[in-house]
Amino acid sequence: MTEALLNIGLLHYLVLSFILFLIGLTGVLISRNMLRTVMSLFIMTISVVLNFLTFGNYCDRTLENANIISIFILIIVMLQTIIALVILYKIYQSNEYLDAEKIKDKET
């Protein structure tokens, strides 16, 4: 019984990926702070990469191709996050806040 519970399979990784994706989606939909939105998008991307690695391991049993593509995806996502953080820093310098509603109201 204990051995069956400790055996981690495909379903465990898919559930973890789904939970991470829901956490990220909730953060994007609820948060008004743009920094939290960027972090939530990053969590969603990590979820997609985890899902990709899971299916890569499940279908191929060697993680070589899945690892290479996942590292490439993570490098692109890190660059996007860095660019988004630089843009948010510039917005913060000019407005003193990162609330999307206040910035939208200020521009109109």
N, C-alpha and C. Protein backbone atom coordinates (compact mmCIF):
# COMPACT_ATOMS: atom_id res chain seq x y z
N MET A 1 0.82 -1.20 0.00
CA MET A 1 0.00 0.00 0.00
C MET A 1 0.86 1.26 0.00
N THR A 2 1.86 1.29 0.85
CA THR A 2 2.73 2.45 0.92
C THR A 2 3.53 2.63 -0.35
N GLU A 3 3.95 1.53 -0.94
CA GLU A 3 4.73 1.59 -2.18
C GLU A 3 3.90 2.18 -3.32
N ALA A 4 2.63 1.89 -3.36
CA ALA A 4 1.76 2.43 -4.41
C ALA A 4 1.57 3.94 -4.23
N LEU A 5 1.54 4.42 -2.99
CA LEU A 5 1.39 5.85 -2.75
C LEU A 5 2.66 6.62 -3.06
N LEU A 6 3.81 6.01 -2.87
CA LEU A 6 5.08 6.69 -3.12
C LEU A 6 5.52 6.64 -4.57
N ASN A 7 4.87 5.85 -5.39
CA ASN A 7 5.22 5.76 -6.80
C ASN A 7 4.62 6.95 -7.55
N ILE A 8 5.47 7.85 -7.97
CA ILE A 8 5.01 9.06 -8.64
C ILE A 8 4.90 8.79 -10.12
N GLY A 9 3.73 9.03 -10.68
CA GLY A 9 3.49 8.74 -12.08
C GLY A 9 3.10 9.98 -12.87
N LEU A 10 2.58 9.73 -14.04
CA LEU A 10 2.20 10.79 -14.96
C LEU A 10 1.11 11.69 -14.37
N LEU A 11 0.14 11.10 -13.73
CA LEU A 11 -0.98 11.86 -13.20
C LEU A 11 -0.54 12.87 -12.13
N HIS A 12 0.42 12.50 -11.31
CA HIS A 12 0.90 13.41 -10.26
C HIS A 12 1.50 14.67 -10.87
N TYR A 13 2.32 14.50 -11.90
CA TYR A 13 2.94 15.65 -12.55
C TYR A 13 1.91 16.51 -13.27
N LEU A 14 0.93 15.87 -13.88
CA LEU A 14 -0.10 16.63 -14.58
C LEU A 14 -0.97 17.42 -13.61
N VAL A 15 -1.27 16.83 -12.46
CA VAL A 15 -2.05 17.55 -11.44
C VAL A 15 -1.24 18.73 -10.90
N LEU A 16 0.04 18.53 -10.65
CA LEU A 16 0.90 19.62 -10.19
C LEU A 16 0.96 20.73 -11.22
N SER A 17 1.12 20.37 -12.48
CA SER A 17 1.16 21.36 -13.55
C SER A 17 -0.17 22.11 -13.65
N PHE A 18 -1.27 21.41 -13.51
CA PHE A 18 -2.59 22.04 -13.58
C PHE A 18 -2.79 23.01 -12.41
N ILE A 19 -2.36 22.60 -11.22
CA ILE A 19 -2.50 23.48 -10.04
C ILE A 19 -1.65 24.73 -10.21
N LEU A 20 -0.42 24.57 -10.69
CA LEU A 20 0.43 25.74 -10.93
C LEU A 20 -0.18 26.67 -11.97
N PHE A 21 -0.75 26.08 -13.03
CA PHE A 21 -1.38 26.89 -14.06
C PHE A 21 -2.57 27.65 -13.50
N LEU A 22 -3.38 27.01 -12.66
CA LEU A 22 -4.53 27.69 -12.05
C LEU A 22 -4.10 28.80 -11.10
N ILE A 23 -3.03 28.58 -10.35
CA ILE A 23 -2.51 29.62 -9.47
C ILE A 23 -2.06 30.83 -10.29
N GLY A 24 -1.34 30.58 -11.38
CA GLY A 24 -0.90 31.66 -12.25
C GLY A 24 -2.06 32.39 -12.90
N LEU A 25 -3.05 31.63 -13.38
CA LEU A 25 -4.21 32.24 -14.02
C LEU A 25 -5.01 33.09 -13.02
N THR A 26 -5.14 32.59 -11.81
CA THR A 26 -5.82 33.35 -10.77
C THR A 26 -5.07 34.65 -10.48
N GLY A 27 -3.76 34.57 -10.42
CA GLY A 27 -2.97 35.77 -10.19
C GLY A 27 -3.10 36.78 -11.31
N VAL A 28 -3.18 36.32 -12.54
CA VAL A 28 -3.34 37.24 -13.67
C VAL A 28 -4.72 37.90 -13.65
N LEU A 29 -5.74 37.11 -13.35
CA LEU A 29 -7.10 37.64 -13.40
C LEU A 29 -7.45 38.54 -12.21
N ILE A 30 -6.90 38.26 -11.04
CA ILE A 30 -7.29 38.99 -9.84
C ILE A 30 -6.39 40.18 -9.56
N SER A 31 -5.11 40.05 -9.78
CA SER A 31 -4.16 41.07 -9.35
C SER A 31 -4.25 42.33 -10.21
N ARG A 32 -4.20 43.47 -9.53
CA ARG A 32 -4.14 44.74 -10.23
C ARG A 32 -2.70 45.21 -10.34
N ASN A 33 -1.83 44.68 -9.52
CA ASN A 33 -0.42 45.06 -9.54
C ASN A 33 0.26 44.38 -10.73
N MET A 34 0.94 45.16 -11.54
CA MET A 34 1.54 44.62 -12.76
C MET A 34 2.71 43.69 -12.47
N LEU A 35 3.42 43.91 -11.37
CA LEU A 35 4.52 43.02 -11.01
C LEU A 35 3.99 41.63 -10.66
N ARG A 36 2.90 41.58 -9.92
CA ARG A 36 2.28 40.28 -9.60
C ARG A 36 1.78 39.60 -10.87
N THR A 37 1.28 40.37 -11.81
CA THR A 37 0.82 39.80 -13.07
C THR A 37 1.97 39.16 -13.84
N VAL A 38 3.12 39.82 -13.88
CA VAL A 38 4.28 39.26 -14.56
C VAL A 38 4.75 37.98 -13.86
N MET A 39 4.75 38.00 -12.53
CA MET A 39 5.15 36.79 -11.80
C MET A 39 4.16 35.65 -12.02
N SER A 40 2.88 35.98 -12.12
CA SER A 40 1.87 34.95 -12.38
C SER A 40 2.03 34.37 -13.77
N LEU A 41 2.36 35.20 -14.74
CA LEU A 41 2.63 34.69 -16.09
C LEU A 41 3.84 33.77 -16.10
N PHE A 42 4.84 34.10 -15.29
CA PHE A 42 6.01 33.24 -15.20
C PHE A 42 5.65 31.89 -14.57
N ILE A 43 4.79 31.89 -13.57
CA ILE A 43 4.33 30.64 -12.95
C ILE A 43 3.57 29.80 -13.98
N MET A 44 2.76 30.44 -14.79
CA MET A 44 2.03 29.71 -15.83
C MET A 44 2.99 29.09 -16.85
N THR A 45 4.04 29.81 -17.18
CA THR A 45 5.02 29.28 -18.13
C THR A 45 5.77 28.10 -17.53
N ILE A 46 6.13 28.18 -16.27
CA ILE A 46 6.79 27.06 -15.60
C ILE A 46 5.88 25.84 -15.62
N SER A 47 4.58 26.06 -15.45
CA SER A 47 3.62 24.97 -15.51
C SER A 47 3.62 24.31 -16.88
N VAL A 48 3.67 25.11 -17.92
CA VAL A 48 3.69 24.56 -19.28
C VAL A 48 4.97 23.77 -19.53
N VAL A 49 6.10 24.28 -19.05
CA VAL A 49 7.36 23.56 -19.22
C VAL A 49 7.35 22.24 -18.45
N LEU A 50 6.79 22.24 -17.25
CA LEU A 50 6.66 21.01 -16.47
C LEU A 50 5.79 20.00 -17.20
N ASN A 51 4.70 20.46 -17.78
CA ASN A 51 3.81 19.60 -18.56
C ASN A 51 4.54 19.04 -19.77
N PHE A 52 5.32 19.87 -20.44
CA PHE A 52 6.09 19.43 -21.60
C PHE A 52 7.12 18.37 -21.22
N LEU A 53 7.82 18.59 -20.12
CA LEU A 53 8.80 17.60 -19.65
C LEU A 53 8.14 16.29 -19.25
N THR A 54 6.98 16.38 -18.65
CA THR A 54 6.25 15.18 -18.23
C THR A 54 5.89 14.32 -19.43
N PHE A 55 5.32 14.95 -20.44
CA PHE A 55 4.96 14.18 -21.62
C PHE A 55 6.18 13.73 -22.41
N GLY A 56 7.26 14.52 -22.37
CA GLY A 56 8.49 14.10 -23.01
C GLY A 56 9.07 12.85 -22.37
N ASN A 57 9.01 12.79 -21.06
CA ASN A 57 9.49 11.61 -20.35
C ASN A 57 8.54 10.43 -20.53
N TYR A 58 7.25 10.69 -20.53
CA TYR A 58 6.27 9.62 -20.64
C TYR A 58 6.29 8.97 -22.04
N CYS A 59 6.44 9.77 -23.06
CA CYS A 59 6.39 9.24 -24.43
C CYS A 59 7.73 8.69 -24.91
N ASP A 60 8.83 9.34 -24.51
CA ASP A 60 10.13 8.99 -25.08
C ASP A 60 10.99 8.18 -24.12
N ARG A 61 10.78 8.31 -22.83
CA ARG A 61 11.57 7.67 -21.78
C ARG A 61 13.02 8.17 -21.73
N THR A 62 13.40 9.05 -22.62
CA THR A 62 14.66 9.76 -22.50
C THR A 62 14.33 11.24 -22.54
N LEU A 63 14.91 11.97 -21.66
CA LEU A 63 14.56 13.38 -21.55
C LEU A 63 15.46 14.30 -22.38
N GLU A 64 16.24 13.76 -23.29
CA GLU A 64 17.19 14.59 -24.03
C GLU A 64 16.48 15.66 -24.85
N ASN A 65 15.55 15.28 -25.70
CA ASN A 65 14.87 16.26 -26.55
C ASN A 65 14.01 17.20 -25.73
N ALA A 66 13.30 16.67 -24.77
CA ALA A 66 12.43 17.50 -23.94
C ALA A 66 13.26 18.49 -23.12
N ASN A 67 14.40 18.07 -22.62
CA ASN A 67 15.26 18.96 -21.84
C ASN A 67 15.81 20.09 -22.68
N ILE A 68 16.25 19.79 -23.88
CA ILE A 68 16.81 20.82 -24.74
C ILE A 68 15.76 21.87 -25.08
N ILE A 69 14.58 21.43 -25.46
CA ILE A 69 13.53 22.37 -25.82
C ILE A 69 13.05 23.13 -24.59
N SER A 70 12.97 22.48 -23.44
CA SER A 70 12.55 23.16 -22.21
C SER A 70 13.55 24.22 -21.79
N ILE A 71 14.83 23.93 -21.91
CA ILE A 71 15.85 24.94 -21.57
C ILE A 71 15.74 26.12 -22.52
N PHE A 72 15.51 25.86 -23.79
CA PHE A 72 15.33 26.93 -24.76
C PHE A 72 14.11 27.78 -24.40
N ILE A 73 13.01 27.14 -24.05
CA ILE A 73 11.79 27.87 -23.66
C ILE A 73 12.06 28.70 -22.40
N LEU A 74 12.74 28.12 -21.42
CA LEU A 74 13.01 28.85 -20.18
C LEU A 74 13.92 30.05 -20.41
N ILE A 75 14.88 29.93 -21.32
CA ILE A 75 15.75 31.06 -21.63
C ILE A 75 14.94 32.19 -22.25
N ILE A 76 14.05 31.86 -23.16
CA ILE A 76 13.21 32.88 -23.78
C ILE A 76 12.30 33.53 -22.74
N VAL A 77 11.73 32.73 -21.87
CA VAL A 77 10.83 33.27 -20.83
C VAL A 77 11.60 34.16 -19.86
N MET A 78 12.81 33.77 -19.50
CA MET A 78 13.61 34.61 -18.61
C MET A 78 13.93 35.95 -19.27
N LEU A 79 14.23 35.94 -20.55
CA LEU A 79 14.49 37.20 -21.25
C LEU A 79 13.23 38.06 -21.29
N GLN A 80 12.08 37.45 -21.54
CA GLN A 80 10.82 38.20 -21.52
C GLN A 80 10.56 38.79 -20.14
N THR A 81 10.82 38.03 -19.11
CA THR A 81 10.60 38.51 -17.75
C THR A 81 11.54 39.66 -17.41
N ILE A 82 12.78 39.56 -17.84
CA ILE A 82 13.73 40.65 -17.58
C ILE A 82 13.28 41.92 -18.29
N ILE A 83 12.85 41.80 -19.53
CA ILE A 83 12.38 42.97 -20.28
C ILE A 83 11.14 43.55 -19.61
N ALA A 84 10.21 42.70 -19.18
CA ALA A 84 9.00 43.18 -18.50
C ALA A 84 9.35 43.88 -17.19
N LEU A 85 10.30 43.35 -16.45
CA LEU A 85 10.69 43.98 -15.18
C LEU A 85 11.37 45.32 -15.41
N VAL A 86 12.15 45.46 -16.47
CA VAL A 86 12.77 46.74 -16.79
C VAL A 86 11.68 47.77 -17.16
N ILE A 87 10.71 47.34 -17.94
CA ILE A 87 9.61 48.24 -18.31
C ILE A 87 8.82 48.64 -17.07
N LEU A 88 8.53 47.68 -16.19
CA LEU A 88 7.81 47.99 -14.96
C LEU A 88 8.61 48.93 -14.05
N TYR A 89 9.92 48.77 -14.04
CA TYR A 89 10.76 49.66 -13.24
C TYR A 89 10.68 51.09 -13.77
N LYS A 90 10.69 51.24 -15.07
CA LYS A 90 10.57 52.58 -15.66
C LYS A 90 9.19 53.18 -15.38
N ILE A 91 8.14 52.35 -15.43
CA ILE A 91 6.80 52.83 -15.09
C ILE A 91 6.75 53.25 -13.62
N TYR A 92 7.38 52.48 -12.76
CA TYR A 92 7.39 52.81 -11.34
C TYR A 92 8.16 54.10 -11.08
N GLN A 93 9.25 54.31 -11.82
CA GLN A 93 10.01 55.54 -11.63
C GLN A 93 9.19 56.77 -12.00
N SER A 94 8.37 56.65 -13.03
CA SER A 94 7.60 57.82 -13.46
C SER A 94 6.29 57.99 -12.68
N ASN A 95 5.71 56.92 -12.14
CA ASN A 95 4.40 57.01 -11.49
C ASN A 95 4.41 56.78 -9.99
N GLU A 96 5.44 56.16 -9.44
CA GLU A 96 5.55 55.81 -8.03
C GLU A 96 4.59 54.70 -7.60
N TYR A 97 3.93 54.02 -8.51
CA TYR A 97 3.09 52.88 -8.20
C TYR A 97 2.97 52.00 -9.44
N LEU A 98 2.54 50.75 -9.22
CA LEU A 98 2.38 49.80 -10.32
C LEU A 98 0.95 49.29 -10.44
N ASP A 99 0.00 50.02 -9.87
CA ASP A 99 -1.40 49.63 -9.94
C ASP A 99 -1.94 49.95 -11.33
N ALA A 100 -2.44 48.94 -12.01
CA ALA A 100 -2.89 49.11 -13.40
C ALA A 100 -4.08 50.06 -13.49
N GLU A 101 -4.98 50.03 -12.51
CA GLU A 101 -6.15 50.90 -12.54
C GLU A 101 -5.75 52.37 -12.39
N LYS A 102 -4.81 52.65 -11.50
CA LYS A 102 -4.37 54.04 -11.32
C LYS A 102 -3.64 54.56 -12.55
N ILE A 103 -2.85 53.71 -13.17
CA ILE A 103 -2.12 54.13 -14.37
C ILE A 103 -3.09 54.38 -15.50
N LYS A 104 -4.12 53.51 -15.62
CA LYS A 104 -5.12 53.70 -16.67
C LYS A 104 -5.91 54.98 -16.45
N ASP A 105 -6.25 55.27 -15.19
CA ASP A 105 -6.99 56.49 -14.88
C ASP A 105 -6.13 57.74 -15.09
N LYS A 106 -4.84 57.64 -14.85
CA LYS A 106 -3.94 58.78 -15.01
C LYS A 106 -3.80 59.16 -16.48
N GLU A 107 -3.80 58.17 -17.38
CA GLU A 107 -3.61 58.45 -18.80
C GLU A 107 -4.85 59.04 -19.44
N THR A 108 -6.03 58.82 -18.88
CA THR A 108 -7.25 59.35 -19.51
C THR A 108 -7.60 60.71 -19.01
